[in-house]
């Protein structure tokens, strides 16, 4: 696929995710819906946010590095967009349980950084 097809695919998925999130926010009462309503909130937010971050990251990477392979740029953007989404979702979940502290966010950032480092090491073929 080319860049235009990737961006179109991400834009459609992102629009669906954000539309679902808005629908959940406007139509579901969290106190009455229970766990299913909260799960739908977080799933739709994850889809919308990861799509948005991936699309923005892909566009920035192609503007900055126009000579790189399309698939490599998209996969890197997708991975990092999803990891940033995990950071936000984890922070929101901790906030909902009143467990969000600076050190808990630091632990999440550290874990995500280790995951990203593992992908970089695997890509470069560095062996220990």
N, C-alpha and C. Protein backbone atom coordinates (compact mmCIF):
# COMPACT_ATOMS: atom_id res chain seq x y z
N UNK A 1 0.84 -1.18 0.00
CA UNK A 1 0.00 0.00 0.00
C UNK A 1 0.88 1.24 0.00
N UNK A 2 0.34 2.31 -0.54
CA UNK A 2 1.09 3.56 -0.53
C UNK A 2 0.63 4.44 0.64
N UNK A 3 1.27 5.57 0.79
CA UNK A 3 1.00 6.45 1.91
C UNK A 3 -0.46 6.90 1.93
N UNK A 4 -0.99 7.25 0.78
CA UNK A 4 -2.37 7.73 0.72
C UNK A 4 -3.35 6.65 1.20
N UNK A 5 -3.11 5.42 0.84
CA UNK A 5 -3.99 4.34 1.28
C UNK A 5 -3.89 4.11 2.78
N UNK A 6 -2.68 4.17 3.34
CA UNK A 6 -2.50 4.03 4.78
C UNK A 6 -3.22 5.15 5.53
N UNK A 7 -3.02 6.37 5.08
CA UNK A 7 -3.64 7.51 5.75
C UNK A 7 -5.16 7.42 5.66
N UNK A 8 -5.69 7.03 4.52
CA UNK A 8 -7.13 6.86 4.36
C UNK A 8 -7.65 5.79 5.31
N UNK A 9 -6.96 4.68 5.37
CA UNK A 9 -7.35 3.59 6.27
C UNK A 9 -7.35 4.05 7.72
N UNK A 10 -6.27 4.72 8.14
CA UNK A 10 -6.18 5.22 9.50
C UNK A 10 -7.24 6.28 9.79
N UNK A 11 -7.50 7.15 8.83
CA UNK A 11 -8.49 8.21 9.02
C UNK A 11 -9.90 7.63 9.19
N UNK A 12 -10.24 6.62 8.41
CA UNK A 12 -11.55 5.99 8.54
C UNK A 12 -11.68 5.29 9.89
N UNK A 13 -10.66 4.54 10.27
CA UNK A 13 -10.68 3.87 11.58
C UNK A 13 -10.74 4.85 12.73
N UNK A 14 -10.00 5.94 12.60
CA UNK A 14 -10.01 6.97 13.64
C UNK A 14 -11.38 7.62 13.75
N UNK A 15 -11.99 7.92 12.62
CA UNK A 15 -13.33 8.53 12.62
C UNK A 15 -14.35 7.58 13.26
N UNK A 16 -14.24 6.30 12.96
CA UNK A 16 -15.15 5.33 13.58
C UNK A 16 -14.92 5.26 15.09
N UNK A 17 -13.66 5.24 15.49
CA UNK A 17 -13.34 5.19 16.92
C UNK A 17 -13.84 6.41 17.67
N UNK A 18 -13.60 7.60 17.12
CA UNK A 18 -14.07 8.81 17.80
C UNK A 18 -15.59 8.92 17.78
N UNK A 19 -16.22 8.47 16.69
CA UNK A 19 -17.68 8.47 16.64
C UNK A 19 -18.26 7.54 17.71
N UNK A 20 -17.66 6.37 17.86
CA UNK A 20 -18.10 5.44 18.89
C UNK A 20 -17.90 6.03 20.28
N UNK A 21 -16.77 6.69 20.49
CA UNK A 21 -16.49 7.30 21.79
C UNK A 21 -17.51 8.39 22.11
N UNK A 22 -17.80 9.25 21.14
CA UNK A 22 -18.79 10.31 21.35
C UNK A 22 -20.16 9.70 21.64
N UNK A 23 -20.51 8.65 20.93
CA UNK A 23 -21.78 7.97 21.16
C UNK A 23 -21.84 7.41 22.58
N UNK A 24 -20.76 6.80 23.02
CA UNK A 24 -20.70 6.25 24.38
C UNK A 24 -20.81 7.37 25.42
N UNK A 25 -20.07 8.45 25.21
CA UNK A 25 -20.08 9.55 26.18
C UNK A 25 -21.46 10.20 26.28
N UNK A 26 -22.12 10.36 25.13
CA UNK A 26 -23.41 11.05 25.13
C UNK A 26 -24.59 10.16 25.52
N UNK A 27 -24.47 8.86 25.34
CA UNK A 27 -25.65 8.03 25.53
C UNK A 27 -25.59 7.06 26.70
N UNK A 28 -24.44 6.89 27.31
CA UNK A 28 -24.33 5.91 28.39
C UNK A 28 -24.06 6.62 29.71
N UNK A 29 -24.86 6.28 30.69
CA UNK A 29 -24.66 6.79 32.05
C UNK A 29 -23.70 5.84 32.76
N UNK A 30 -22.51 6.31 33.13
CA UNK A 30 -21.51 5.41 33.72
C UNK A 30 -21.99 4.75 35.02
N UNK A 31 -22.79 5.44 35.80
CA UNK A 31 -23.23 4.85 37.05
C UNK A 31 -24.27 3.75 36.83
N UNK A 32 -25.03 3.84 35.74
CA UNK A 32 -26.06 2.84 35.46
C UNK A 32 -25.54 1.73 34.55
N UNK A 33 -24.58 2.03 33.69
CA UNK A 33 -24.12 1.04 32.70
C UNK A 33 -23.22 -0.02 33.31
N UNK A 34 -22.53 0.32 34.36
CA UNK A 34 -21.64 -0.64 34.99
C UNK A 34 -20.36 -0.88 34.21
N UNK A 35 -19.83 -2.07 34.36
CA UNK A 35 -18.53 -2.40 33.78
C UNK A 35 -18.57 -2.40 32.26
N UNK A 36 -19.67 -2.81 31.66
CA UNK A 36 -19.75 -2.85 30.20
C UNK A 36 -19.67 -1.45 29.60
N UNK A 37 -20.34 -0.49 30.21
CA UNK A 37 -20.28 0.89 29.73
C UNK A 37 -18.89 1.49 29.85
N UNK A 38 -18.24 1.20 30.95
CA UNK A 38 -16.88 1.70 31.16
C UNK A 38 -15.91 1.03 30.18
N UNK A 39 -16.10 -0.26 29.95
CA UNK A 39 -15.26 -0.97 28.98
C UNK A 39 -15.46 -0.41 27.57
N UNK A 40 -16.69 -0.13 27.19
CA UNK A 40 -16.96 0.46 25.88
C UNK A 40 -16.32 1.84 25.76
N UNK A 41 -16.34 2.61 26.85
CA UNK A 41 -15.70 3.93 26.86
C UNK A 41 -14.21 3.80 26.57
N UNK A 42 -13.54 2.92 27.30
CA UNK A 42 -12.09 2.80 27.14
C UNK A 42 -11.70 2.17 25.80
N UNK A 43 -12.47 1.22 25.31
CA UNK A 43 -12.15 0.61 24.02
C UNK A 43 -12.30 1.61 22.89
N UNK A 44 -13.40 2.36 22.89
CA UNK A 44 -13.61 3.34 21.82
C UNK A 44 -12.58 4.47 21.91
N UNK A 45 -12.22 4.87 23.12
CA UNK A 45 -11.19 5.90 23.28
C UNK A 45 -9.84 5.37 22.80
N UNK A 46 -9.54 4.13 23.08
CA UNK A 46 -8.28 3.52 22.62
C UNK A 46 -8.20 3.51 21.10
N UNK A 47 -9.28 3.11 20.44
CA UNK A 47 -9.29 3.07 18.98
C UNK A 47 -9.13 4.48 18.40
N UNK A 48 -9.89 5.43 18.91
CA UNK A 48 -9.81 6.79 18.39
C UNK A 48 -8.47 7.44 18.63
N UNK A 49 -7.96 7.31 19.85
CA UNK A 49 -6.69 7.96 20.19
C UNK A 49 -5.51 7.31 19.47
N UNK A 50 -5.49 5.99 19.41
CA UNK A 50 -4.37 5.35 18.71
C UNK A 50 -4.40 5.66 17.22
N UNK A 51 -5.58 5.74 16.63
CA UNK A 51 -5.67 6.12 15.23
C UNK A 51 -5.21 7.54 14.98
N UNK A 52 -5.61 8.44 15.86
CA UNK A 52 -5.19 9.84 15.73
C UNK A 52 -3.68 9.99 15.87
N UNK A 53 -3.13 9.38 16.92
CA UNK A 53 -1.68 9.49 17.14
C UNK A 53 -0.88 8.82 16.02
N UNK A 54 -1.37 7.69 15.52
CA UNK A 54 -0.69 7.01 14.44
C UNK A 54 -0.71 7.84 13.16
N UNK A 55 -1.87 8.41 12.84
CA UNK A 55 -1.99 9.23 11.64
C UNK A 55 -1.08 10.45 11.70
N UNK A 56 -1.11 11.14 12.82
CA UNK A 56 -0.27 12.33 12.98
C UNK A 56 1.21 11.95 12.91
N UNK A 57 1.58 10.89 13.59
CA UNK A 57 2.98 10.45 13.59
C UNK A 57 3.44 10.03 12.20
N UNK A 58 2.57 9.36 11.46
CA UNK A 58 2.93 8.95 10.10
C UNK A 58 3.15 10.16 9.20
N UNK A 59 2.26 11.13 9.28
CA UNK A 59 2.41 12.34 8.46
C UNK A 59 3.68 13.10 8.82
N UNK A 60 3.98 13.21 10.10
CA UNK A 60 5.19 13.92 10.52
C UNK A 60 6.44 13.18 10.05
N UNK A 61 6.43 11.86 10.19
CA UNK A 61 7.60 11.08 9.77
C UNK A 61 7.83 11.18 8.26
N UNK A 62 6.76 11.15 7.48
CA UNK A 62 6.94 11.27 6.03
C UNK A 62 7.37 12.67 5.63
N UNK A 63 6.94 13.67 6.36
CA UNK A 63 7.40 15.02 6.06
C UNK A 63 8.88 15.18 6.42
N UNK A 64 9.28 14.53 7.50
CA UNK A 64 10.65 14.67 7.96
C UNK A 64 11.62 13.73 7.23
N UNK A 65 11.17 12.52 6.91
CA UNK A 65 12.01 11.52 6.25
C UNK A 65 11.30 11.00 4.99
N UNK A 66 11.26 11.78 3.92
CA UNK A 66 10.50 11.36 2.74
C UNK A 66 11.10 10.18 1.98
N UNK A 67 12.36 9.86 2.23
CA UNK A 67 13.01 8.78 1.48
C UNK A 67 12.91 7.41 2.16
N UNK A 68 12.30 7.34 3.34
CA UNK A 68 12.19 6.06 4.05
C UNK A 68 11.09 5.19 3.46
N UNK A 69 11.21 3.90 3.73
CA UNK A 69 10.23 2.92 3.27
C UNK A 69 8.88 3.17 3.93
N UNK A 70 7.82 3.15 3.14
CA UNK A 70 6.48 3.46 3.63
C UNK A 70 6.05 2.49 4.73
N UNK A 71 6.26 1.22 4.51
CA UNK A 71 5.82 0.22 5.49
C UNK A 71 6.57 0.37 6.81
N UNK A 72 7.85 0.65 6.75
CA UNK A 72 8.65 0.83 7.97
C UNK A 72 8.15 2.03 8.78
N UNK A 73 7.88 3.13 8.09
CA UNK A 73 7.40 4.35 8.77
C UNK A 73 6.04 4.10 9.39
N UNK A 74 5.15 3.45 8.66
CA UNK A 74 3.80 3.20 9.17
C UNK A 74 3.83 2.24 10.36
N UNK A 75 4.63 1.20 10.29
CA UNK A 75 4.71 0.26 11.41
C UNK A 75 5.29 0.93 12.66
N UNK A 76 6.30 1.75 12.49
CA UNK A 76 6.87 2.48 13.63
C UNK A 76 5.85 3.44 14.21
N UNK A 77 5.15 4.16 13.36
CA UNK A 77 4.13 5.10 13.83
C UNK A 77 2.99 4.37 14.54
N UNK A 78 2.59 3.25 14.00
CA UNK A 78 1.52 2.46 14.60
C UNK A 78 1.92 1.97 15.98
N UNK A 79 3.12 1.45 16.09
CA UNK A 79 3.61 0.95 17.38
C UNK A 79 3.70 2.06 18.41
N UNK A 80 4.30 3.18 18.02
CA UNK A 80 4.47 4.26 18.98
C UNK A 80 3.15 4.96 19.31
N UNK A 81 2.25 5.04 18.34
CA UNK A 81 0.93 5.60 18.61
C UNK A 81 0.17 4.75 19.60
N UNK A 82 0.27 3.43 19.44
CA UNK A 82 -0.42 2.54 20.37
C UNK A 82 0.22 2.58 21.75
N UNK A 83 1.54 2.67 21.83
CA UNK A 83 2.20 2.75 23.13
C UNK A 83 1.83 4.04 23.87
N UNK A 84 1.76 5.15 23.14
CA UNK A 84 1.32 6.40 23.78
C UNK A 84 -0.13 6.31 24.22
N UNK A 85 -0.95 5.62 23.44
CA UNK A 85 -2.34 5.43 23.82
C UNK A 85 -2.42 4.60 25.10
N UNK A 86 -1.60 3.58 25.21
CA UNK A 86 -1.57 2.77 26.43
C UNK A 86 -1.21 3.63 27.64
N UNK A 87 -0.26 4.54 27.46
CA UNK A 87 0.11 5.45 28.53
C UNK A 87 -1.08 6.29 28.98
N UNK A 88 -1.80 6.87 28.04
CA UNK A 88 -2.95 7.71 28.37
C UNK A 88 -4.06 6.90 29.02
N UNK A 89 -4.36 5.74 28.46
CA UNK A 89 -5.43 4.90 29.00
C UNK A 89 -5.08 4.43 30.41
N UNK A 90 -3.85 4.00 30.61
CA UNK A 90 -3.44 3.58 31.96
C UNK A 90 -3.55 4.73 32.95
N UNK A 91 -3.15 5.92 32.52
CA UNK A 91 -3.26 7.09 33.41
C UNK A 91 -4.73 7.39 33.73
N UNK A 92 -5.60 7.28 32.75
CA UNK A 92 -7.03 7.52 33.00
C UNK A 92 -7.64 6.46 33.93
N UNK A 93 -7.23 5.22 33.75
CA UNK A 93 -7.73 4.16 34.63
C UNK A 93 -7.24 4.39 36.06
N UNK A 94 -5.98 4.71 36.21
CA UNK A 94 -5.46 5.01 37.54
C UNK A 94 -6.16 6.23 38.15
N UNK A 95 -6.44 7.23 37.33
CA UNK A 95 -7.14 8.41 37.80
C UNK A 95 -8.55 8.06 38.27
N UNK A 96 -9.22 7.16 37.55
CA UNK A 96 -10.58 6.79 37.94
C UNK A 96 -10.60 6.05 39.28
N UNK A 97 -9.53 5.37 39.61
CA UNK A 97 -9.42 4.69 40.90
C UNK A 97 -8.69 5.54 41.94
N UNK A 98 -8.41 6.79 41.59
CA UNK A 98 -7.68 7.72 42.46
C UNK A 98 -6.31 7.17 42.87
N UNK A 99 -5.65 6.53 41.92
CA UNK A 99 -4.32 5.98 42.15
C UNK A 99 -3.26 6.62 41.26
N UNK A 100 -3.60 7.74 40.64
CA UNK A 100 -2.67 8.40 39.73
C UNK A 100 -1.72 9.29 40.52
N UNK A 101 -0.47 8.90 40.54
CA UNK A 101 0.57 9.68 41.19
C UNK A 101 1.72 9.84 40.21
N UNK A 102 2.62 10.76 40.49
CA UNK A 102 3.72 11.00 39.56
C UNK A 102 4.57 9.75 39.39
N UNK A 103 4.76 9.00 40.45
CA UNK A 103 5.60 7.83 40.37
C UNK A 103 4.91 6.68 39.62
N UNK A 104 3.58 6.62 39.68
CA UNK A 104 2.89 5.56 38.92
C UNK A 104 2.99 5.84 37.42
N UNK A 105 2.89 7.11 37.04
CA UNK A 105 3.07 7.48 35.63
C UNK A 105 4.51 7.21 35.21
N UNK A 106 5.45 7.49 36.08
CA UNK A 106 6.86 7.23 35.78
C UNK A 106 7.11 5.74 35.55
N UNK A 107 6.47 4.89 36.33
CA UNK A 107 6.60 3.44 36.15
C UNK A 107 6.04 3.03 34.80
N UNK A 108 4.88 3.57 34.43
CA UNK A 108 4.27 3.24 33.13
C UNK A 108 5.17 3.71 31.99
N UNK A 109 5.70 4.92 32.10
CA UNK A 109 6.59 5.45 31.07
C UNK A 109 7.84 4.56 30.96
N UNK A 110 8.37 4.12 32.08
CA UNK A 110 9.54 3.26 32.09
C UNK A 110 9.25 1.93 31.38
N UNK A 111 8.10 1.32 31.68
CA UNK A 111 7.73 0.06 31.04
C UNK A 111 7.56 0.25 29.54
N UNK A 112 6.89 1.32 29.14
CA UNK A 112 6.69 1.60 27.71
C UNK A 112 8.03 1.86 27.02
N UNK A 113 8.93 2.55 27.70
CA UNK A 113 10.26 2.79 27.14
C UNK A 113 11.03 1.48 26.96
N UNK A 114 10.87 0.55 27.90
CA UNK A 114 11.51 -0.75 27.75
C UNK A 114 10.94 -1.52 26.57
N UNK A 115 9.63 -1.45 26.38
CA UNK A 115 9.01 -2.12 25.23
C UNK A 115 9.54 -1.52 23.93
N UNK A 116 9.59 -0.19 23.86
CA UNK A 116 10.11 0.46 22.66
C UNK A 116 11.58 0.11 22.43
N UNK A 117 12.36 0.06 23.50
CA UNK A 117 13.76 -0.32 23.39
C UNK A 117 13.90 -1.75 22.86
N UNK A 118 13.03 -2.63 23.30
CA UNK A 118 13.07 -4.02 22.82
C UNK A 118 12.80 -4.06 21.31
N UNK A 119 11.86 -3.25 20.84
CA UNK A 119 11.60 -3.21 19.39
C UNK A 119 12.79 -2.65 18.63
N UNK A 120 13.42 -1.62 19.18
CA UNK A 120 14.59 -1.03 18.51
C UNK A 120 15.73 -2.02 18.44
N UNK A 121 15.98 -2.71 19.55
CA UNK A 121 17.06 -3.69 19.59
C UNK A 121 16.79 -4.82 18.61
N UNK A 122 15.55 -5.28 18.56
CA UNK A 122 15.19 -6.36 17.64
C UNK A 122 15.36 -5.90 16.18
N UNK A 123 14.97 -4.67 15.90
CA UNK A 123 15.09 -4.14 14.54
C UNK A 123 16.54 -4.02 14.11
N UNK A 124 17.38 -3.53 15.00
CA UNK A 124 18.79 -3.34 14.67
C UNK A 124 19.56 -4.64 14.66
N UNK A 125 19.01 -5.69 15.25
CA UNK A 125 19.68 -6.97 15.26
C UNK A 125 20.79 -7.06 16.28
N UNK A 126 20.74 -6.22 17.31
CA UNK A 126 21.77 -6.25 18.34
C UNK A 126 21.53 -7.47 19.23
N UNK A 127 22.57 -8.24 19.46
CA UNK A 127 22.42 -9.43 20.29
C UNK A 127 23.32 -9.29 21.50
N UNK A 128 22.81 -9.75 22.63
CA UNK A 128 23.56 -9.62 23.87
C UNK A 128 24.30 -10.84 24.26
